[in-house]
Amino acid sequence: MDSGQIIEDEGLFEMANVRPEITGLPFIVWISEKGNARHDVRVKVSSGPRARDFAASVSVRPDVQVMAGDLAAADLALVRAWIDLNRDVIVDFWNGDILYTDEVLAALRKLPDA
C-alpha cells in the first residue's frame, strides 16, 4: 500500500459503505459526513467489500472526477450516473443534514438499469 492510499483509507472507518444491492453499481462505494475533511464532497470506491480494497476517491462536485487512485473509464461512468442520481442525498449526508446511516441508505436511489 503506498502512502497516498494510506491517506485515502484513514477515514474509511468513519464512512458508510453502500453495497451493490443499494446502488446498482458492481462495487462498493463509501459515503461520509464532512468531519475534518479539507476537501469538498467525495465518495470512495472499493474494488471489493473491505477498506483495503480501495480503488479511487471521486469528487461529487462541481464535477465527478477521480481525485486519487485509479478507476476504469466504464466504472467512472457508472459512478458518475449514480452520483448524478443521488447528489442531493450524498451532499446532505456530507453536510450533516441527514444524521443517521440508515436514513441515508433509505434515501439513496439505485441505478435504473441495475
PDB file of N, CA and C in Angstrom:
ATOM      1  N   MET A   1       0.859  -1.175   0.000  1.00  0.00           N
ATOM      2  CA  MET A   1       0.000   0.000   0.000  1.00  0.00           C
ATOM      3  C   MET A   1       0.900   1.230   0.000  1.00  0.00           C
ATOM      4  N   ASP A   2       0.689   2.156  -0.934  1.00  0.00           N
ATOM      5  CA  ASP A   2       1.517   3.351  -0.972  1.00  0.00           C
ATOM      6  C   ASP A   2       0.971   4.405  -0.003  1.00  0.00           C
ATOM      7  N   SER A   3       1.767   5.432   0.280  1.00  0.00           N
ATOM      8  CA  SER A   3       1.370   6.435   1.275  1.00  0.00           C
ATOM      9  C   SER A   3       0.124   7.196   0.848  1.00  0.00           C
ATOM     10  N   GLY A   4      -0.072   7.423  -0.447  1.00  0.00           N
ATOM     11  CA  GLY A   4      -1.283   8.091  -0.908  1.00  0.00           C
ATOM     12  C   GLY A   4      -2.512   7.272  -0.600  1.00  0.00           C
ATOM     13  N   GLN A   5      -2.394   5.960  -0.747  1.00  0.00           N
ATOM     14  CA  GLN A   5      -3.525   5.089  -0.446  1.00  0.00           C
ATOM     15  C   GLN A   5      -3.804   5.070   1.043  1.00  0.00           C
ATOM     16  N   ILE A   6      -2.768   5.073   1.866  1.00  0.00           N
ATOM     17  CA  ILE A   6      -2.971   5.093   3.307  1.00  0.00           C
ATOM     18  C   ILE A   6      -3.750   6.341   3.708  1.00  0.00           C
ATOM     19  N   ILE A   7      -3.377   7.479   3.167  1.00  0.00           N
ATOM     20  CA  ILE A   7      -4.090   8.720   3.476  1.00  0.00           C
ATOM     21  C   ILE A   7      -5.542   8.605   3.074  1.00  0.00           C
ATOM     22  N   GLU A   8      -5.820   8.059   1.909  1.00  0.00           N
ATOM     23  CA  GLU A   8      -7.198   7.919   1.452  1.00  0.00           C
ATOM     24  C   GLU A   8      -7.977   6.953   2.326  1.00  0.00           C
ATOM     25  N   ASP A   9      -7.346   5.902   2.844  1.00  0.00           N
ATOM     26  CA  ASP A   9      -8.037   4.881   3.612  1.00  0.00           C
ATOM     27  C   ASP A   9      -8.266   5.270   5.073  1.00  0.00           C
ATOM     28  N   GLU A  10      -7.518   6.229   5.598  1.00  0.00           N
ATOM     29  CA  GLU A  10      -7.566   6.521   7.018  1.00  0.00           C
ATOM     30  C   GLU A  10      -8.963   6.817   7.531  1.00  0.00           C
ATOM     31  N   GLY A  11      -9.786   7.523   6.766  1.00  0.00           N
ATOM     32  CA  GLY A  11     -11.095   7.898   7.243  1.00  0.00           C
ATOM     33  C   GLY A  11     -12.186   6.906   6.928  1.00  0.00           C
ATOM     34  N   LEU A  12     -11.880   5.765   6.334  1.00  0.00           N
ATOM     35  CA  LEU A  12     -12.930   4.837   5.929  1.00  0.00           C
ATOM     36  C   LEU A  12     -13.726   4.292   7.110  1.00  0.00           C
ATOM     37  N   PHE A  13     -13.123   4.208   8.294  1.00  0.00           N
ATOM     38  CA  PHE A  13     -13.876   3.711   9.431  1.00  0.00           C
ATOM     39  C   PHE A  13     -14.995   4.672   9.816  1.00  0.00           C
ATOM     40  N   GLU A  14     -14.932   5.926   9.378  1.00  0.00           N
ATOM     41  CA  GLU A  14     -15.965   6.913   9.658  1.00  0.00           C
ATOM     42  C   GLU A  14     -16.997   6.987   8.537  1.00  0.00           C
ATOM     43  N   MET A  15     -16.873   6.145   7.543  1.00  0.00           N
ATOM     44  CA  MET A  15     -17.722   6.215   6.371  1.00  0.00           C
ATOM     45  C   MET A  15     -18.751   5.087   6.375  1.00  0.00           C
ATOM     46  N   ALA A  16     -19.829   5.304   5.630  1.00  0.00           N
ATOM     47  CA  ALA A  16     -20.851   4.274   5.453  1.00  0.00           C
ATOM     48  C   ALA A  16     -20.588   3.558   4.138  1.00  0.00           C
ATOM     49  N   ASN A  17     -20.471   2.243   4.205  1.00  0.00           N
ATOM     50  CA  ASN A  17     -20.297   1.503   2.958  1.00  0.00           C
ATOM     51  C   ASN A  17     -21.675   1.224   2.372  1.00  0.00           C
ATOM     52  N   VAL A  18     -21.780   1.437   1.059  1.00  0.00           N
ATOM     53  CA  VAL A  18     -23.053   1.280   0.363  1.00  0.00           C
ATOM     54  C   VAL A  18     -22.864   0.152  -0.655  1.00  0.00           C
ATOM     55  N   ARG A  19     -23.567  -0.932  -0.397  1.00  0.00           N
ATOM     56  CA  ARG A  19     -23.406  -2.159  -1.176  1.00  0.00           C
ATOM     57  C   ARG A  19     -24.083  -2.089  -2.545  1.00  0.00           C
ATOM     58  N   PRO A  20     -23.671  -2.958  -3.445  1.00  0.00           N
ATOM     59  CA  PRO A  20     -24.264  -3.015  -4.785  1.00  0.00           C
ATOM     60  C   PRO A  20     -25.782  -3.211  -4.783  1.00  0.00           C
ATOM     61  N   GLU A  21     -26.313  -3.887  -3.783  1.00  0.00           N
ATOM     62  CA  GLU A  21     -27.758  -4.103  -3.707  1.00  0.00           C
ATOM     63  C   GLU A  21     -28.518  -2.786  -3.563  1.00  0.00           C
ATOM     64  N   ILE A  22     -27.856  -1.778  -3.021  1.00  0.00           N
ATOM     65  CA  ILE A  22     -28.475  -0.464  -2.816  1.00  0.00           C
ATOM     66  C   ILE A  22     -28.184   0.474  -3.983  1.00  0.00           C
ATOM     67  N   THR A  23     -26.975   0.400  -4.525  1.00  0.00           N
ATOM     68  CA  THR A  23     -26.564   1.344  -5.576  1.00  0.00           C
ATOM     69  C   THR A  23     -26.844   0.871  -6.993  1.00  0.00           C
ATOM     70  N   GLY A  24     -26.781  -0.434  -7.189  1.00  0.00           N
ATOM     71  CA  GLY A  24     -26.835  -0.956  -8.548  1.00  0.00           C
ATOM     72  C   GLY A  24     -25.468  -0.954  -9.213  1.00  0.00           C
ATOM     73  N   LEU A  25     -24.454  -0.502  -8.499  1.00  0.00           N
ATOM     74  CA  LEU A  25     -23.081  -0.500  -9.010  1.00  0.00           C
ATOM     75  C   LEU A  25     -22.467  -1.887  -8.789  1.00  0.00           C
ATOM     76  N   PRO A  26     -21.465  -2.265  -9.577  1.00  0.00           N
ATOM     77  CA  PRO A  26     -20.839  -3.573  -9.395  1.00  0.00           C
ATOM     78  C   PRO A  26     -19.736  -3.589  -8.329  1.00  0.00           C
ATOM     79  N   PHE A  27     -19.724  -2.572  -7.478  1.00  0.00           N
ATOM     80  CA  PHE A  27     -18.709  -2.464  -6.435  1.00  0.00           C
ATOM     81  C   PHE A  27     -19.284  -1.642  -5.282  1.00  0.00           C
ATOM     82  N   ILE A  28     -18.555  -1.597  -4.189  1.00  0.00           N
ATOM     83  CA  ILE A  28     -18.978  -0.839  -3.008  1.00  0.00           C
ATOM     84  C   ILE A  28     -18.502   0.598  -3.124  1.00  0.00           C
ATOM     85  N   VAL A  29     -19.355   1.533  -2.713  1.00  0.00           N
ATOM     86  CA  VAL A  29     -18.940   2.921  -2.555  1.00  0.00           C
ATOM     87  C   VAL A  29     -19.073   3.281  -1.081  1.00  0.00           C
ATOM     88  N   TRP A  30     -18.306   4.262  -0.680  1.00  0.00           N
ATOM     89  CA  TRP A  30     -18.288   4.726   0.705  1.00  0.00           C
ATOM     90  C   TRP A  30     -18.671   6.203   0.698  1.00  0.00           C
ATOM     91  N   ILE A  31     -19.600   6.577   1.570  1.00  0.00           N
ATOM     92  CA  ILE A  31     -20.005   7.974   1.703  1.00  0.00           C
ATOM     93  C   ILE A  31     -19.792   8.392   3.154  1.00  0.00           C
ATOM     94  N   SER A  32     -19.677   9.694   3.394  1.00  0.00           N
ATOM     95  CA  SER A  32     -19.424  10.142   4.766  1.00  0.00           C
ATOM     96  C   SER A  32     -19.927  11.552   4.994  1.00  0.00           C
ATOM     97  N   GLU A  33     -19.912  11.916   6.264  1.00  0.00           N
ATOM     98  CA  GLU A  33     -20.093  13.318   6.639  1.00  0.00           C
ATOM     99  C   GLU A  33     -18.753  14.009   6.423  1.00  0.00           C
ATOM    100  N   LYS A  34     -18.782  15.330   6.439  1.00  0.00           N
ATOM    101  CA  LYS A  34     -17.568  16.096   6.190  1.00  0.00           C
ATOM    102  C   LYS A  34     -16.495  15.827   7.232  1.00  0.00           C
ATOM    103  N   GLY A  35     -16.877  15.805   8.496  1.00  0.00           N
ATOM    104  CA  GLY A  35     -15.891  15.593   9.545  1.00  0.00           C
ATOM    105  C   GLY A  35     -14.800  16.642   9.476  1.00  0.00           C
ATOM    106  N   ASN A  36     -13.558  16.203   9.476  1.00  0.00           N
ATOM    107  CA  ASN A  36     -12.408  17.107   9.420  1.00  0.00           C
ATOM    108  C   ASN A  36     -11.827  17.243   8.016  1.00  0.00           C
ATOM    109  N   ALA A  37     -12.568  16.795   7.025  1.00  0.00           N
ATOM    110  CA  ALA A  37     -12.055  16.844   5.652  1.00  0.00           C
ATOM    111  C   ALA A  37     -11.751  18.277   5.233  1.00  0.00           C
ATOM    112  N   ARG A  38     -10.691  18.439   4.479  1.00  0.00           N
ATOM    113  CA  ARG A  38     -10.309  19.749   3.951  1.00  0.00           C
ATOM    114  C   ARG A  38     -10.644  19.877   2.476  1.00  0.00           C
ATOM    115  N   HIS A  39     -11.410  18.938   1.980  1.00  0.00           N
ATOM    116  CA  HIS A  39     -11.820  18.943   0.576  1.00  0.00           C
ATOM    117  C   HIS A  39     -13.344  18.926   0.516  1.00  0.00           C
ATOM    118  N   ASP A  40     -13.887  19.127  -0.668  1.00  0.00           N
ATOM    119  CA  ASP A  40     -15.340  19.085  -0.847  1.00  0.00           C
ATOM    120  C   ASP A  40     -15.801  17.631  -0.895  1.00  0.00           C
ATOM    121  N   VAL A  41     -17.067  17.441  -1.137  1.00  0.00           N
ATOM    122  CA  VAL A  41     -17.708  16.128  -1.081  1.00  0.00           C
ATOM    123  C   VAL A  41     -17.035  15.134  -2.024  1.00  0.00           C
ATOM    124  N   ARG A  42     -16.755  13.960  -1.483  1.00  0.00           N
ATOM    125  CA  ARG A  42     -16.185  12.870  -2.268  1.00  0.00           C
ATOM    126  C   ARG A  42     -16.832  11.558  -1.843  1.00  0.00           C
ATOM    127  N   VAL A  43     -16.799  10.598  -2.727  1.00  0.00           N
ATOM    128  CA  VAL A  43     -17.128   9.220  -2.384  1.00  0.00           C
ATOM    129  C   VAL A  43     -15.885   8.390  -2.676  1.00  0.00           C
ATOM    130  N   LYS A  44     -15.725   7.336  -1.927  1.00  0.00           N
ATOM    131  CA  LYS A  44     -14.631   6.400  -2.167  1.00  0.00           C
ATOM    132  C   LYS A  44     -15.217   5.189  -2.882  1.00  0.00           C
ATOM    133  N   VAL A  45     -14.431   4.595  -3.736  1.00  0.00           N
ATOM    134  CA  VAL A  45     -14.853   3.422  -4.487  1.00  0.00           C
ATOM    135  C   VAL A  45     -13.921   2.274  -4.115  1.00  0.00           C
ATOM    136  N   SER A  46     -14.509   1.136  -3.772  1.00  0.00           N
ATOM    137  CA  SER A  46     -13.730  -0.056  -3.452  1.00  0.00           C
ATOM    138  C   SER A  46     -13.866  -1.070  -4.561  1.00  0.00           C
ATOM    139  N   SER A  47     -12.816  -1.791  -4.799  1.00  0.00           N
ATOM    140  CA  SER A  47     -12.884  -2.875  -5.772  1.00  0.00           C
ATOM    141  C   SER A  47     -13.453  -4.130  -5.127  1.00  0.00           C
ATOM    142  N   GLY A  48     -13.607  -4.095  -3.810  1.00  0.00           N
ATOM    143  CA  GLY A  48     -14.153  -5.216  -3.048  1.00  0.00           C
ATOM    144  C   GLY A  48     -14.841  -4.689  -1.797  1.00  0.00           C
ATOM    145  N   PRO A  49     -15.203  -5.566  -0.881  1.00  0.00           N
ATOM    146  CA  PRO A  49     -16.009  -5.175   0.274  1.00  0.00           C
ATOM    147  C   PRO A  49     -15.252  -4.572   1.462  1.00  0.00           C
ATOM    148  N   ARG A  50     -13.941  -4.533   1.416  1.00  0.00           N
ATOM    149  CA  ARG A  50     -13.174  -4.051   2.568  1.00  0.00           C
ATOM    150  C   ARG A  50     -12.450  -2.753   2.255  1.00  0.00           C
ATOM    151  N   ALA A  51     -12.142  -2.007   3.300  1.00  0.00           N
ATOM    152  CA  ALA A  51     -11.444  -0.734   3.138  1.00  0.00           C
ATOM    153  C   ALA A  51     -10.122  -0.919   2.409  1.00  0.00           C
ATOM    154  N   ARG A  52      -9.458  -2.021   2.643  1.00  0.00           N
ATOM    155  CA  ARG A  52      -8.158  -2.227   1.990  1.00  0.00           C
ATOM    156  C   ARG A  52      -8.297  -2.460   0.486  1.00  0.00           C
ATOM    157  N   ASP A  53      -9.538  -2.598   0.014  1.00  0.00           N
ATOM    158  CA  ASP A  53      -9.799  -2.773  -1.410  1.00  0.00           C
ATOM    159  C   ASP A  53     -10.004  -1.427  -2.110  1.00  0.00           C
ATOM    160  N   PHE A  54      -9.446  -0.363  -1.548  1.00  0.00           N
ATOM    161  CA  PHE A  54      -9.573   0.979  -2.100  1.00  0.00           C
ATOM    162  C   PHE A  54      -9.176   1.018  -3.569  1.00  0.00           C
ATOM    163  N   ALA A  55     -10.022   1.655  -4.379  1.00  0.00           N
ATOM    164  CA  ALA A  55      -9.695   1.852  -5.786  1.00  0.00           C
ATOM    165  C   ALA A  55      -9.522   3.327  -6.104  1.00  0.00           C
ATOM    166  N   ALA A  56     -10.485   4.180  -5.645  1.00  0.00           N
ATOM    167  CA  ALA A  56     -10.408   5.594  -6.022  1.00  0.00           C
ATOM    168  C   ALA A  56     -11.237   6.459  -5.094  1.00  0.00           C
ATOM    169  N   SER A  57     -10.849   7.726  -5.041  1.00  0.00           N
ATOM    170  CA  SER A  57     -11.629   8.769  -4.387  1.00  0.00           C
ATOM    171  C   SER A  57     -12.171   9.650  -5.510  1.00  0.00           C
ATOM    172  N   VAL A  58     -13.499   9.865  -5.504  1.00  0.00           N
ATOM    173  CA  VAL A  58     -14.160  10.551  -6.613  1.00  0.00           C
ATOM    174  C   VAL A  58     -14.895  11.780  -6.085  1.00  0.00           C
ATOM    175  N   SER A  59     -14.653  12.922  -6.716  1.00  0.00           N
ATOM    176  CA  SER A  59     -15.333  14.150  -6.310  1.00  0.00           C
ATOM    177  C   SER A  59     -16.806  14.091  -6.720  1.00  0.00           C
ATOM    178  N   VAL A  60     -17.646  14.747  -5.929  1.00  0.00           N
ATOM    179  CA  VAL A  60     -19.082  14.806  -6.202  1.00  0.00           C
ATOM    180  C   VAL A  60     -19.448  16.114  -6.882  1.00  0.00           C
ATOM    181  N   ARG A  61     -18.730  17.179  -6.532  1.00  0.00           N
ATOM    182  CA  ARG A  61     -18.981  18.483  -7.148  1.00  0.00           C
ATOM    183  C   ARG A  61     -17.693  19.269  -7.222  1.00  0.00           C
ATOM    184  N   PRO A  62     -17.533  20.184  -8.115  1.00  0.00           N
ATOM    185  CA  PRO A  62     -18.522  20.556  -9.124  1.00  0.00           C
ATOM    186  C   PRO A  62     -18.649  19.516 -10.226  1.00  0.00           C
ATOM    187  N   ASP A  63     -17.572  18.760 -10.473  1.00  0.00           N
ATOM    188  CA  ASP A  63     -17.601  17.718 -11.494  1.00  0.00           C
ATOM    189  C   ASP A  63     -17.227  16.389 -10.860  1.00  0.00           C
ATOM    190  N   VAL A  64     -17.775  15.316 -11.383  1.00  0.00           N
ATOM    191  CA  VAL A  64     -17.417  13.979 -10.932  1.00  0.00           C
ATOM    192  C   VAL A  64     -16.137  13.577 -11.649  1.00  0.00           C
ATOM    193  N   GLN A  65     -15.070  13.414 -10.852  1.00  0.00           N
ATOM    194  CA  GLN A  65     -13.789  13.010 -11.422  1.00  0.00           C
ATOM    195  C   GLN A  65     -12.959  12.294 -10.372  1.00  0.00           C
ATOM    196  N   VAL A  66     -12.033  11.477 -10.820  1.00  0.00           N
ATOM    197  CA  VAL A  66     -11.145  10.752  -9.914  1.00  0.00           C
ATOM    198  C   VAL A  66     -10.137  11.736  -9.341  1.00  0.00           C
ATOM    199  N   MET A  67     -10.097  11.800  -8.015  1.00  0.00           N
ATOM    200  CA  MET A  67      -9.170  12.699  -7.325  1.00  0.00           C
ATOM    201  C   MET A  67      -7.937  11.956  -6.819  1.00  0.00           C
ATOM    202  N   ALA A  68      -8.076  10.671  -6.561  1.00  0.00           N
ATOM    203  CA  ALA A  68      -6.960   9.837  -6.104  1.00  0.00           C
ATOM    204  C   ALA A  68      -7.277   8.398  -6.482  1.00  0.00           C
ATOM    205  N   GLY A  69      -6.250   7.628  -6.739  1.00  0.00           N
ATOM    206  CA  GLY A  69      -6.451   6.236  -7.101  1.00  0.00           C
ATOM    207  C   GLY A  69      -6.654   6.080  -8.593  1.00  0.00           C
ATOM    208  N   ASP A  70      -7.258   4.966  -8.958  1.00  0.00           N
ATOM    209  CA  ASP A  70      -7.412   4.643 -10.370  1.00  0.00           C
ATOM    210  C   ASP A  70      -8.759   3.958 -10.569  1.00  0.00           C
ATOM    211  N   LEU A  71      -9.475   4.369 -11.605  1.00  0.00           N
ATOM    212  CA  LEU A  71     -10.788   3.813 -11.902  1.00  0.00           C
ATOM    213  C   LEU A  71     -10.940   3.742 -13.415  1.00  0.00           C
ATOM    214  N   ALA A  72     -11.340   2.594 -13.915  1.00  0.00           N
ATOM    215  CA  ALA A  72     -11.554   2.433 -15.358  1.00  0.00           C
ATOM    216  C   ALA A  72     -12.628   3.409 -15.826  1.00  0.00           C
ATOM    217  N   ALA A  73     -12.536   3.841 -17.066  1.00  0.00           N
ATOM    218  CA  ALA A  73     -13.490   4.808 -17.622  1.00  0.00           C
ATOM    219  C   ALA A  73     -14.925   4.313 -17.514  1.00  0.00           C
ATOM    220  N   ALA A  74     -15.155   3.027 -17.765  1.00  0.00           N
ATOM    221  CA  ALA A  74     -16.518   2.476 -17.674  1.00  0.00           C
ATOM    222  C   ALA A  74     -17.034   2.527 -16.231  1.00  0.00           C
ATOM    223  N   ASP A  75     -16.156   2.235 -15.258  1.00  0.00           N
ATOM    224  CA  ASP A  75     -16.563   2.296 -13.854  1.00  0.00           C
ATOM    225  C   ASP A  75     -16.823   3.736 -13.424  1.00  0.00           C
ATOM    226  N   LEU A  76     -16.001   4.664 -13.896  1.00  0.00           N
ATOM    227  CA  LEU A  76     -16.225   6.075 -13.584  1.00  0.00           C
ATOM    228  C   LEU A  76     -17.560   6.533 -14.159  1.00  0.00           C
ATOM    229  N   ALA A  77     -17.904   6.085 -15.341  1.00  0.00           N
ATOM    230  CA  ALA A  77     -19.193   6.450 -15.933  1.00  0.00           C
ATOM    231  C   ALA A  77     -20.348   5.943 -15.076  1.00  0.00           C
ATOM    232  N   LEU A  78     -20.223   4.749 -14.533  1.00  0.00           N
ATOM    233  CA  LEU A  78     -21.260   4.210 -13.643  1.00  0.00           C
ATOM    234  C   LEU A  78     -21.348   5.021 -12.352  1.00  0.00           C
ATOM    235  N   VAL A  79     -20.196   5.330 -11.766  1.00  0.00           N
ATOM    236  CA  VAL A  79     -20.175   6.136 -10.536  1.00  0.00           C
ATOM    237  C   VAL A  79     -20.784   7.512 -10.810  1.00  0.00           C
ATOM    238  N   ARG A  80     -20.447   8.105 -11.928  1.00  0.00           N
ATOM    239  CA  ARG A  80     -20.994   9.416 -12.296  1.00  0.00           C
ATOM    240  C   ARG A  80     -22.531   9.352 -12.385  1.00  0.00           C
ATOM    241  N   ALA A  81     -23.050   8.328 -13.040  1.00  0.00           N
ATOM    242  CA  ALA A  81     -24.507   8.185 -13.168  1.00  0.00           C
ATOM    243  C   ALA A  81     -25.159   8.024 -11.798  1.00  0.00           C
ATOM    244  N   TRP A  82     -24.535   7.237 -10.910  1.00  0.00           N
ATOM    245  CA  TRP A  82     -25.090   7.033  -9.571  1.00  0.00           C
ATOM    246  C   TRP A  82     -25.028   8.324  -8.749  1.00  0.00           C
ATOM    247  N   ILE A  83     -23.907   9.033  -8.826  1.00  0.00           N
ATOM    248  CA  ILE A  83     -23.788  10.306  -8.110  1.00  0.00           C
ATOM    249  C   ILE A  83     -24.819  11.303  -8.633  1.00  0.00           C
ATOM    250  N   ASP A  84     -24.977  11.399  -9.950  1.00  0.00           N
ATOM    251  CA  ASP A  84     -25.967  12.317 -10.521  1.00  0.00           C
ATOM    252  C   ASP A  84     -27.368  12.014  -9.988  1.00  0.00           C
ATOM    253  N   LEU A  85     -27.677  10.746  -9.823  1.00  0.00           N
ATOM    254  CA  LEU A  85     -28.984  10.316  -9.320  1.00  0.00           C
ATOM    255  C   LEU A  85     -29.151  10.627  -7.832  1.00  0.00           C
ATOM    256  N   ASN A  86     -28.044  10.682  -7.093  1.00  0.00           N
ATOM    257  CA  ASN A  86     -28.093  10.792  -5.631  1.00  0.00           C
ATOM    258  C   ASN A  86     -27.345  11.982  -5.053  1.00  0.00           C
ATOM    259  N   ARG A  87     -26.945  12.933  -5.887  1.00  0.00           N
ATOM    260  CA  ARG A  87     -26.098  14.033  -5.434  1.00  0.00           C
ATOM    261  C   ARG A  87     -26.679  14.743  -4.204  1.00  0.00           C
ATOM    262  N   ASP A  88     -27.956  15.078  -4.228  1.00  0.00           N
ATOM    263  CA  ASP A  88     -28.552  15.809  -3.103  1.00  0.00           C
ATOM    264  C   ASP A  88     -28.464  15.025  -1.799  1.00  0.00           C
ATOM    265  N   VAL A  89     -28.704  13.729  -1.851  1.00  0.00           N
ATOM    266  CA  VAL A  89     -28.635  12.890  -0.651  1.00  0.00           C
ATOM    267  C   VAL A  89     -27.195  12.801  -0.152  1.00  0.00           C
ATOM    268  N   ILE A  90     -26.251  12.589  -1.060  1.00  0.00           N
ATOM    269  CA  ILE A  90     -24.840  12.488  -0.685  1.00  0.00           C
ATOM    270  C   ILE A  90     -24.362  13.791  -0.039  1.00  0.00           C
ATOM    271  N   VAL A  91     -24.739  14.924  -0.624  1.00  0.00           N
ATOM    272  CA  VAL A  91     -24.346  16.232  -0.085  1.00  0.00           C
ATOM    273  C   VAL A  91     -25.027  16.485   1.262  1.00  0.00           C
ATOM    274  N   ASP A  92     -26.295  16.128   1.388  1.00  0.00           N
ATOM    275  CA  ASP A  92     -26.991  16.308   2.676  1.00  0.00           C
ATOM    276  C   ASP A  92     -26.331  15.483   3.779  1.00  0.00           C
ATOM    277  N   PHE A  93     -25.904  14.270   3.470  1.00  0.00           N
ATOM    278  CA  PHE A  93     -25.207  13.446   4.461  1.00  0.00           C
ATOM    279  C   PHE A  93     -23.868  14.084   4.808  1.00  0.00           C
ATOM    280  N   TRP A  94     -23.136  14.546   3.800  1.00  0.00           N
ATOM    281  CA  TRP A  94     -21.850  15.224   3.996  1.00  0.00           C
ATOM    282  C   TRP A  94     -22.013  16.423   4.932  1.00  0.00           C
ATOM    283  N   ASN A  95     -23.072  17.207   4.699  1.00  0.00           N
ATOM    284  CA  ASN A  95     -23.307  18.422   5.488  1.00  0.00           C
ATOM    285  C   ASN A  95     -23.913  18.163   6.855  1.00  0.00           C
ATOM    286  N   GLY A  96     -24.287  16.927   7.143  1.00  0.00           N
ATOM    287  CA  GLY A  96     -24.890  16.607   8.423  1.00  0.00           C
ATOM    288  C   GLY A  96     -26.383  16.870   8.468  1.00  0.00           C
ATOM    289  N   ASP A  97     -26.992  17.137   7.311  1.00  0.00           N
ATOM    290  CA  ASP A  97     -28.439  17.335   7.263  1.00  0.00           C
ATOM    291  C   ASP A  97     -29.185  16.010   7.375  1.00  0.00           C
ATOM    292  N   ILE A  98     -28.534  14.926   7.018  1.00  0.00           N
ATOM    293  CA  ILE A  98     -29.022  13.579   7.290  1.00  0.00           C
ATOM    294  C   ILE A  98     -28.047  13.007   8.309  1.00  0.00           C
ATOM    295  N   LEU A  99     -28.558  12.649   9.485  1.00  0.00           N
ATOM    296  CA  LEU A  99     -27.676  12.283  10.587  1.00  0.00           C
ATOM    297  C   LEU A  99     -27.353  10.805  10.703  1.00  0.00           C
ATOM    298  N   TYR A 100     -28.258   9.968  10.262  1.00  0.00           N
ATOM    299  CA  TYR A 100     -28.103   8.548  10.549  1.00  0.00           C
ATOM    300  C   TYR A 100     -27.898   7.737   9.279  1.00  0.00           C
ATOM    301  N   THR A 101     -27.030   6.750   9.389  1.00  0.00           N
ATOM    302  CA  THR A 101     -26.695   5.922   8.246  1.00  0.00           C
ATOM    303  C   THR A 101     -27.927   5.244   7.658  1.00  0.00           C
ATOM    304  N   ASP A 102     -28.815   4.725   8.510  1.00  0.00           N
ATOM    305  CA  ASP A 102     -29.994   4.048   7.974  1.00  0.00           C
ATOM    306  C   ASP A 102     -30.878   5.009   7.188  1.00  0.00           C
ATOM    307  N   GLU A 103     -30.923   6.269   7.579  1.00  0.00           N
ATOM    308  CA  GLU A 103     -31.714   7.255   6.840  1.00  0.00           C
ATOM    309  C   GLU A 103     -31.102   7.554   5.475  1.00  0.00           C
ATOM    310  N   VAL A 104     -29.785   7.689   5.429  1.00  0.00           N
ATOM    311  CA  VAL A 104     -29.152   7.975   4.137  1.00  0.00           C
ATOM    312  C   VAL A 104     -29.265   6.773   3.212  1.00  0.00           C
ATOM    313  N   LEU A 105     -29.111   5.568   3.747  1.00  0.00           N
ATOM    314  CA  LEU A 105     -29.222   4.378   2.918  1.00  0.00           C
ATOM    315  C   LEU A 105     -30.631   4.242   2.342  1.00  0.00           C
ATOM    316  N   ALA A 106     -31.649   4.588   3.143  1.00  0.00           N
ATOM    317  CA  ALA A 106     -33.032   4.519   2.668  1.00  0.00           C
ATOM    318  C   ALA A 106     -33.322   5.579   1.607  1.00  0.00           C
ATOM    319  N   ALA A 107     -32.612   6.698   1.658  1.00  0.00           N
ATOM    320  CA  ALA A 107     -32.862   7.797   0.722  1.00  0.00           C
ATOM    321  C   ALA A 107     -32.143   7.614  -0.614  1.00  0.00           C
ATOM    322  N   LEU A 108     -31.101   6.811  -0.646  1.00  0.00           N
ATOM    323  CA  LEU A 108     -30.340   6.611  -1.876  1.00  0.00           C
ATOM    324  C   LEU A 108     -31.149   5.824  -2.893  1.00  0.00           C
ATOM    325  N   ARG A 109     -30.972   6.190  -4.161  1.00  0.00           N
ATOM    326  CA  ARG A 109     -31.672   5.511  -5.250  1.00  0.00           C
ATOM    327  C   ARG A 109     -30.707   4.621  -6.023  1.00  0.00           C
ATOM    328  N   LYS A 110     -31.233   3.513  -6.464  1.00  0.00           N
ATOM    329  CA  LYS A 110     -30.470   2.532  -7.230  1.00  0.00           C
ATOM    330  C   LYS A 110     -30.463   2.938  -8.708  1.00  0.00           C
ATOM    331  N   LEU A 111     -29.364   2.689  -9.379  1.00  0.00           N
ATOM    332  CA  LEU A 111     -29.305   2.943 -10.818  1.00  0.00           C
ATOM    333  C   LEU A 111     -30.448   2.202 -11.506  1.00  0.00           C
ATOM    334  N   PRO A 112     -31.167   2.859 -12.416  1.00  0.00           N
ATOM    335  CA  PRO A 112     -32.345   2.240 -13.009  1.00  0.00           C
ATOM    336  C   PRO A 112     -32.061   1.014 -13.860  1.00  0.00           C
ATOM    337  N   ASP A 113     -30.878   0.893 -14.417  1.00  0.00           N
ATOM    338  CA  ASP A 113     -30.553  -0.247 -15.271  1.00  0.00           C
ATOM    339  C   ASP A 113     -30.069  -1.443 -14.481  1.00  0.00           C
ATOM    340  N   ALA A 114     -29.963  -1.274 -13.167  1.00  0.00           N
ATOM    341  CA  ALA A 114     -29.396  -2.353 -12.331  1.00  0.00           C
ATOM    342  C   ALA A 114     -30.449  -3.385 -11.976  1.00  0.00           C
TER     343      ALA A 114
END
